[in-house]
Amino acid sequence: QVQLVESGGGLVQAGGSLRLSCAASARAFSNYAMAWFRQAPGKEREFVAAISPTGGTYSPDSRFTGSRDNAKNTVYLQMNSLRPEDTAVYYCALGPVVATHANQYTSWGQGTQVTVSS
């Protein structure tokens, strides 16, 4: 029922930046936690960043910063100082509480490809 649509991916040189967006159709969007995950070929889905309903953020990598605009039903992922090992499909996710495990989120977008060239 909930639909999430990512955009903003593409090809970028090492050291460059990208900002990903995720537009949500969810009713009462401001009540939900949001997150970003990524998955490279042959690898498990990896936590990137989480954003609480009130806009608090957490990421284990300081190069990545999540944010949200509840008036637009949209979350963002700012990615700086990108490296080739950041190449992956990036997904946004929605869930009832902030979490770092993929199985705790209930809705997912289709993903957007990010490729970082050396």
N, C-alpha and C. Protein backbone atom coordinates (compact mmCIF):
# COMPACT_ATOMS: atom_id res chain seq x y z
N GLN A 1 0.83 -1.20 0.00
CA GLN A 1 0.00 0.00 0.00
C GLN A 1 0.87 1.25 0.00
N VAL A 2 1.88 1.28 0.86
CA VAL A 2 2.83 2.38 0.89
C VAL A 2 3.76 2.26 -0.31
N GLN A 3 4.01 3.38 -0.98
CA GLN A 3 4.93 3.41 -2.11
C GLN A 3 6.07 4.39 -1.82
N LEU A 4 7.28 3.93 -2.08
CA LEU A 4 8.48 4.74 -1.92
C LEU A 4 9.22 4.74 -3.25
N VAL A 5 9.65 5.91 -3.71
CA VAL A 5 10.31 6.05 -5.00
C VAL A 5 11.59 6.84 -4.82
N GLU A 6 12.73 6.17 -5.05
CA GLU A 6 14.03 6.81 -4.95
C GLU A 6 14.41 7.49 -6.27
N SER A 7 15.23 8.53 -6.15
CA SER A 7 15.78 9.18 -7.33
C SER A 7 17.11 9.84 -6.94
N GLY A 8 17.87 10.24 -7.94
CA GLY A 8 19.11 10.97 -7.71
C GLY A 8 20.37 10.17 -7.89
N GLY A 9 20.26 8.88 -8.14
CA GLY A 9 21.45 8.08 -8.37
C GLY A 9 22.06 8.36 -9.73
N GLY A 10 23.25 7.79 -9.94
CA GLY A 10 23.93 7.97 -11.20
C GLY A 10 25.40 7.68 -11.08
N LEU A 11 26.16 8.15 -12.05
CA LEU A 11 27.61 7.95 -12.11
C LEU A 11 28.31 9.19 -11.59
N VAL A 12 29.27 8.99 -10.69
CA VAL A 12 30.03 10.10 -10.12
C VAL A 12 31.48 9.67 -9.96
N GLN A 13 32.39 10.60 -10.09
CA GLN A 13 33.81 10.31 -9.89
C GLN A 13 34.14 10.21 -8.41
N ALA A 14 35.16 9.43 -8.09
CA ALA A 14 35.64 9.35 -6.72
C ALA A 14 35.93 10.74 -6.17
N GLY A 15 35.50 10.97 -4.92
CA GLY A 15 35.64 12.27 -4.30
C GLY A 15 34.45 13.19 -4.49
N GLY A 16 33.53 12.82 -5.36
CA GLY A 16 32.37 13.64 -5.63
C GLY A 16 31.24 13.40 -4.66
N SER A 17 30.11 14.08 -4.91
CA SER A 17 28.94 14.03 -4.03
C SER A 17 27.68 13.77 -4.82
N LEU A 18 26.70 13.18 -4.15
CA LEU A 18 25.35 13.01 -4.68
C LEU A 18 24.35 13.22 -3.55
N ARG A 19 23.14 13.65 -3.91
CA ARG A 19 22.04 13.68 -2.97
C ARG A 19 20.90 12.84 -3.53
N LEU A 20 20.54 11.79 -2.79
CA LEU A 20 19.43 10.93 -3.16
C LEU A 20 18.15 11.43 -2.52
N SER A 21 17.03 11.21 -3.18
CA SER A 21 15.72 11.57 -2.65
C SER A 21 14.82 10.35 -2.64
N CYS A 22 13.86 10.33 -1.72
CA CYS A 22 12.87 9.27 -1.65
C CYS A 22 11.53 9.90 -1.33
N ALA A 23 10.60 9.80 -2.27
CA ALA A 23 9.25 10.34 -2.10
C ALA A 23 8.32 9.24 -1.64
N ALA A 24 7.52 9.51 -0.60
CA ALA A 24 6.65 8.52 0.02
C ALA A 24 5.19 8.88 -0.16
N SER A 25 4.36 7.86 -0.35
CA SER A 25 2.91 8.05 -0.44
C SER A 25 2.20 7.79 0.89
N ALA A 26 2.94 7.45 1.95
CA ALA A 26 2.35 6.99 3.20
C ALA A 26 1.48 8.05 3.85
N ARG A 27 0.34 7.61 4.35
CA ARG A 27 -0.49 8.43 5.20
C ARG A 27 0.25 8.68 6.52
N ALA A 28 0.15 9.88 7.06
CA ALA A 28 0.80 10.23 8.32
C ALA A 28 2.31 9.95 8.25
N PHE A 29 2.94 10.40 7.18
CA PHE A 29 4.36 10.18 6.95
C PHE A 29 5.20 10.62 8.14
N SER A 30 4.82 11.71 8.78
CA SER A 30 5.62 12.26 9.87
C SER A 30 5.68 11.38 11.11
N ASN A 31 4.86 10.33 11.17
CA ASN A 31 4.86 9.40 12.30
C ASN A 31 5.86 8.26 12.14
N TYR A 32 6.48 8.13 10.97
CA TYR A 32 7.31 6.96 10.67
C TYR A 32 8.78 7.27 10.70
N ALA A 33 9.54 6.26 11.11
CA ALA A 33 10.98 6.29 10.94
C ALA A 33 11.33 5.94 9.49
N MET A 34 12.41 6.52 9.00
CA MET A 34 12.89 6.25 7.65
C MET A 34 14.35 5.86 7.70
N ALA A 35 14.80 5.15 6.68
CA ALA A 35 16.19 4.71 6.65
C ALA A 35 16.66 4.55 5.22
N TRP A 36 17.97 4.50 5.07
CA TRP A 36 18.62 4.18 3.81
C TRP A 36 19.49 2.95 4.00
N PHE A 37 19.41 2.03 3.05
CA PHE A 37 20.26 0.85 2.98
C PHE A 37 20.89 0.79 1.59
N ARG A 38 21.95 -0.01 1.48
CA ARG A 38 22.54 -0.24 0.16
C ARG A 38 22.89 -1.70 0.00
N GLN A 39 22.98 -2.14 -1.26
CA GLN A 39 23.31 -3.53 -1.54
C GLN A 39 24.14 -3.60 -2.82
N ALA A 40 25.34 -4.15 -2.69
CA ALA A 40 26.21 -4.39 -3.82
C ALA A 40 26.04 -5.84 -4.28
N PRO A 41 26.38 -6.14 -5.53
CA PRO A 41 26.23 -7.53 -6.02
C PRO A 41 26.96 -8.53 -5.14
N GLY A 42 26.26 -9.60 -4.78
CA GLY A 42 26.84 -10.65 -3.95
C GLY A 42 26.97 -10.32 -2.48
N LYS A 43 26.48 -9.16 -2.05
CA LYS A 43 26.58 -8.75 -0.66
C LYS A 43 25.20 -8.63 -0.02
N GLU A 44 25.17 -8.68 1.31
CA GLU A 44 23.93 -8.47 2.04
C GLU A 44 23.59 -6.99 2.07
N ARG A 45 22.31 -6.71 2.27
CA ARG A 45 21.87 -5.33 2.39
C ARG A 45 22.48 -4.70 3.64
N GLU A 46 23.02 -3.49 3.50
CA GLU A 46 23.81 -2.83 4.53
C GLU A 46 23.15 -1.53 4.96
N PHE A 47 23.07 -1.29 6.26
CA PHE A 47 22.52 -0.06 6.80
C PHE A 47 23.42 1.12 6.48
N VAL A 48 22.81 2.24 6.06
CA VAL A 48 23.53 3.46 5.73
C VAL A 48 23.18 4.61 6.67
N ALA A 49 21.89 4.87 6.88
CA ALA A 49 21.47 6.00 7.71
C ALA A 49 20.02 5.80 8.13
N ALA A 50 19.65 6.39 9.27
CA ALA A 50 18.27 6.39 9.73
C ALA A 50 17.86 7.80 10.11
N ILE A 51 16.56 8.09 9.96
CA ILE A 51 16.00 9.39 10.29
C ILE A 51 14.75 9.16 11.12
N SER A 52 14.72 9.71 12.33
CA SER A 52 13.58 9.56 13.22
C SER A 52 12.41 10.40 12.73
N PRO A 53 11.19 10.16 13.26
CA PRO A 53 10.04 10.98 12.85
C PRO A 53 10.24 12.48 13.08
N THR A 54 11.05 12.85 14.06
CA THR A 54 11.28 14.25 14.36
C THR A 54 12.51 14.82 13.68
N GLY A 55 13.20 14.03 12.86
CA GLY A 55 14.33 14.51 12.10
C GLY A 55 15.69 14.19 12.67
N GLY A 56 15.76 13.50 13.80
CA GLY A 56 17.04 13.06 14.30
C GLY A 56 17.68 12.06 13.35
N THR A 57 18.99 12.08 13.24
CA THR A 57 19.68 11.24 12.26
C THR A 57 20.80 10.44 12.90
N TYR A 58 21.10 9.30 12.27
CA TYR A 58 22.23 8.47 12.68
C TYR A 58 22.80 7.79 11.45
N SER A 59 24.12 7.82 11.33
CA SER A 59 24.82 7.07 10.32
C SER A 59 26.16 6.63 10.87
N PRO A 60 26.55 5.38 10.65
CA PRO A 60 27.88 4.95 11.11
C PRO A 60 29.02 5.53 10.30
N ASP A 61 28.74 6.13 9.16
CA ASP A 61 29.75 6.73 8.29
C ASP A 61 29.46 8.21 8.17
N SER A 62 30.39 9.06 8.62
CA SER A 62 30.17 10.50 8.66
C SER A 62 30.06 11.14 7.29
N ARG A 63 30.42 10.42 6.23
CA ARG A 63 30.26 10.95 4.88
C ARG A 63 28.79 10.99 4.43
N PHE A 64 27.94 10.26 5.12
CA PHE A 64 26.53 10.14 4.74
C PHE A 64 25.64 10.80 5.79
N THR A 65 24.69 11.61 5.35
CA THR A 65 23.78 12.29 6.26
C THR A 65 22.35 12.19 5.73
N GLY A 66 21.46 11.60 6.51
CA GLY A 66 20.06 11.56 6.16
C GLY A 66 19.32 12.79 6.67
N SER A 67 18.20 13.11 6.02
CA SER A 67 17.35 14.20 6.47
C SER A 67 15.94 13.94 5.96
N ARG A 68 14.98 14.74 6.45
CA ARG A 68 13.60 14.58 5.97
C ARG A 68 12.90 15.92 5.92
N ASP A 69 11.93 16.01 5.02
CA ASP A 69 11.06 17.16 4.90
C ASP A 69 9.64 16.62 4.98
N ASN A 70 9.03 16.69 6.15
CA ASN A 70 7.71 16.09 6.34
C ASN A 70 6.63 16.80 5.52
N ALA A 71 6.81 18.08 5.24
CA ALA A 71 5.84 18.81 4.42
C ALA A 71 5.80 18.28 3.00
N LYS A 72 6.91 17.67 2.53
CA LYS A 72 6.99 17.13 1.18
C LYS A 72 6.92 15.61 1.14
N ASN A 73 6.76 14.96 2.28
CA ASN A 73 6.78 13.49 2.36
C ASN A 73 8.03 12.92 1.68
N THR A 74 9.17 13.51 1.98
CA THR A 74 10.41 13.15 1.29
C THR A 74 11.55 13.03 2.29
N VAL A 75 12.42 12.04 2.06
CA VAL A 75 13.68 11.92 2.80
C VAL A 75 14.83 12.02 1.82
N TYR A 76 16.00 12.37 2.34
CA TYR A 76 17.17 12.61 1.52
C TYR A 76 18.37 11.88 2.11
N LEU A 77 19.34 11.60 1.25
CA LEU A 77 20.63 11.08 1.69
C LEU A 77 21.72 11.89 0.99
N GLN A 78 22.43 12.70 1.76
CA GLN A 78 23.57 13.44 1.23
C GLN A 78 24.81 12.56 1.33
N MET A 79 25.49 12.36 0.22
CA MET A 79 26.65 11.48 0.13
C MET A 79 27.84 12.30 -0.35
N ASN A 80 28.88 12.38 0.47
CA ASN A 80 30.06 13.18 0.15
C ASN A 80 31.31 12.30 0.13
N SER A 81 32.34 12.79 -0.53
CA SER A 81 33.64 12.10 -0.59
C SER A 81 33.48 10.64 -1.00
N LEU A 82 32.75 10.41 -2.07
CA LEU A 82 32.41 9.06 -2.48
C LEU A 82 33.63 8.29 -2.97
N ARG A 83 33.59 6.98 -2.74
CA ARG A 83 34.65 6.06 -3.11
C ARG A 83 34.09 4.96 -3.99
N PRO A 84 34.94 4.30 -4.80
CA PRO A 84 34.43 3.21 -5.63
C PRO A 84 33.72 2.12 -4.84
N GLU A 85 34.13 1.86 -3.61
CA GLU A 85 33.48 0.84 -2.80
C GLU A 85 32.08 1.24 -2.33
N ASP A 86 31.67 2.49 -2.56
CA ASP A 86 30.31 2.91 -2.28
C ASP A 86 29.34 2.52 -3.40
N THR A 87 29.84 1.98 -4.49
CA THR A 87 28.99 1.56 -5.60
C THR A 87 28.01 0.49 -5.13
N ALA A 88 26.71 0.75 -5.34
CA ALA A 88 25.66 -0.16 -4.89
C ALA A 88 24.32 0.38 -5.35
N VAL A 89 23.28 -0.43 -5.17
CA VAL A 89 21.92 0.05 -5.27
C VAL A 89 21.51 0.56 -3.89
N TYR A 90 21.00 1.78 -3.84
CA TYR A 90 20.60 2.42 -2.59
C TYR A 90 19.08 2.40 -2.48
N TYR A 91 18.58 1.95 -1.33
CA TYR A 91 17.16 1.80 -1.07
C TYR A 91 16.72 2.68 0.10
N CYS A 92 15.53 3.26 0.01
CA CYS A 92 14.93 3.87 1.18
C CYS A 92 13.89 2.92 1.76
N ALA A 93 13.64 3.06 3.06
CA ALA A 93 12.75 2.17 3.78
C ALA A 93 11.96 2.95 4.82
N LEU A 94 10.77 2.44 5.14
CA LEU A 94 9.87 3.05 6.12
C LEU A 94 9.49 2.01 7.16
N GLY A 95 9.42 2.42 8.42
CA GLY A 95 9.03 1.50 9.48
C GLY A 95 8.48 2.23 10.69
N PRO A 96 7.98 1.46 11.67
CA PRO A 96 7.34 2.08 12.84
C PRO A 96 8.31 2.70 13.83
N VAL A 97 9.56 2.20 13.86
CA VAL A 97 10.55 2.70 14.81
C VAL A 97 11.90 2.75 14.12
N VAL A 98 12.80 3.56 14.67
CA VAL A 98 14.16 3.63 14.16
C VAL A 98 14.87 2.31 14.43
N ALA A 99 15.57 1.79 13.42
CA ALA A 99 16.29 0.54 13.54
C ALA A 99 17.43 0.52 12.55
N THR A 100 18.39 -0.37 12.77
CA THR A 100 19.52 -0.54 11.86
C THR A 100 19.49 -1.86 11.12
N HIS A 101 18.47 -2.69 11.34
CA HIS A 101 18.32 -3.98 10.67
C HIS A 101 17.22 -3.90 9.64
N ALA A 102 17.49 -4.40 8.45
CA ALA A 102 16.56 -4.28 7.34
C ALA A 102 15.22 -4.93 7.64
N ASN A 103 15.21 -6.04 8.38
CA ASN A 103 13.97 -6.75 8.61
C ASN A 103 13.02 -6.05 9.57
N GLN A 104 13.42 -4.93 10.13
CA GLN A 104 12.56 -4.15 11.01
C GLN A 104 11.80 -3.05 10.26
N TYR A 105 12.01 -2.92 8.97
CA TYR A 105 11.28 -1.96 8.15
C TYR A 105 10.22 -2.67 7.33
N THR A 106 9.11 -1.99 7.10
CA THR A 106 7.93 -2.62 6.53
C THR A 106 7.68 -2.27 5.07
N SER A 107 8.25 -1.20 4.56
CA SER A 107 8.06 -0.79 3.17
C SER A 107 9.38 -0.38 2.57
N TRP A 108 9.55 -0.70 1.28
CA TRP A 108 10.81 -0.45 0.58
C TRP A 108 10.57 0.14 -0.80
N GLY A 109 11.49 1.01 -1.22
CA GLY A 109 11.51 1.46 -2.58
C GLY A 109 12.21 0.46 -3.48
N GLN A 110 12.21 0.75 -4.78
CA GLN A 110 12.84 -0.14 -5.76
C GLN A 110 14.34 0.05 -5.87
N GLY A 111 14.86 1.13 -5.34
CA GLY A 111 16.29 1.37 -5.34
C GLY A 111 16.74 2.27 -6.48
N THR A 112 17.89 2.91 -6.28
CA THR A 112 18.52 3.73 -7.30
C THR A 112 20.01 3.40 -7.33
N GLN A 113 20.55 3.22 -8.53
CA GLN A 113 21.94 2.80 -8.69
C GLN A 113 22.88 3.97 -8.50
N VAL A 114 23.90 3.77 -7.68
CA VAL A 114 25.00 4.72 -7.51
C VAL A 114 26.28 4.01 -7.94
N THR A 115 26.98 4.59 -8.90
CA THR A 115 28.25 4.04 -9.38
C THR A 115 29.33 5.10 -9.22
N VAL A 116 30.40 4.76 -8.52
CA VAL A 116 31.50 5.67 -8.26
C VAL A 116 32.71 5.17 -9.04
N SER A 117 33.22 5.98 -9.94
CA SER A 117 34.36 5.60 -10.77
C SER A 117 35.65 6.11 -10.16
N SER A 118 36.74 5.38 -10.41
CA SER A 118 38.04 5.77 -9.89
C SER A 118 38.77 6.68 -10.87
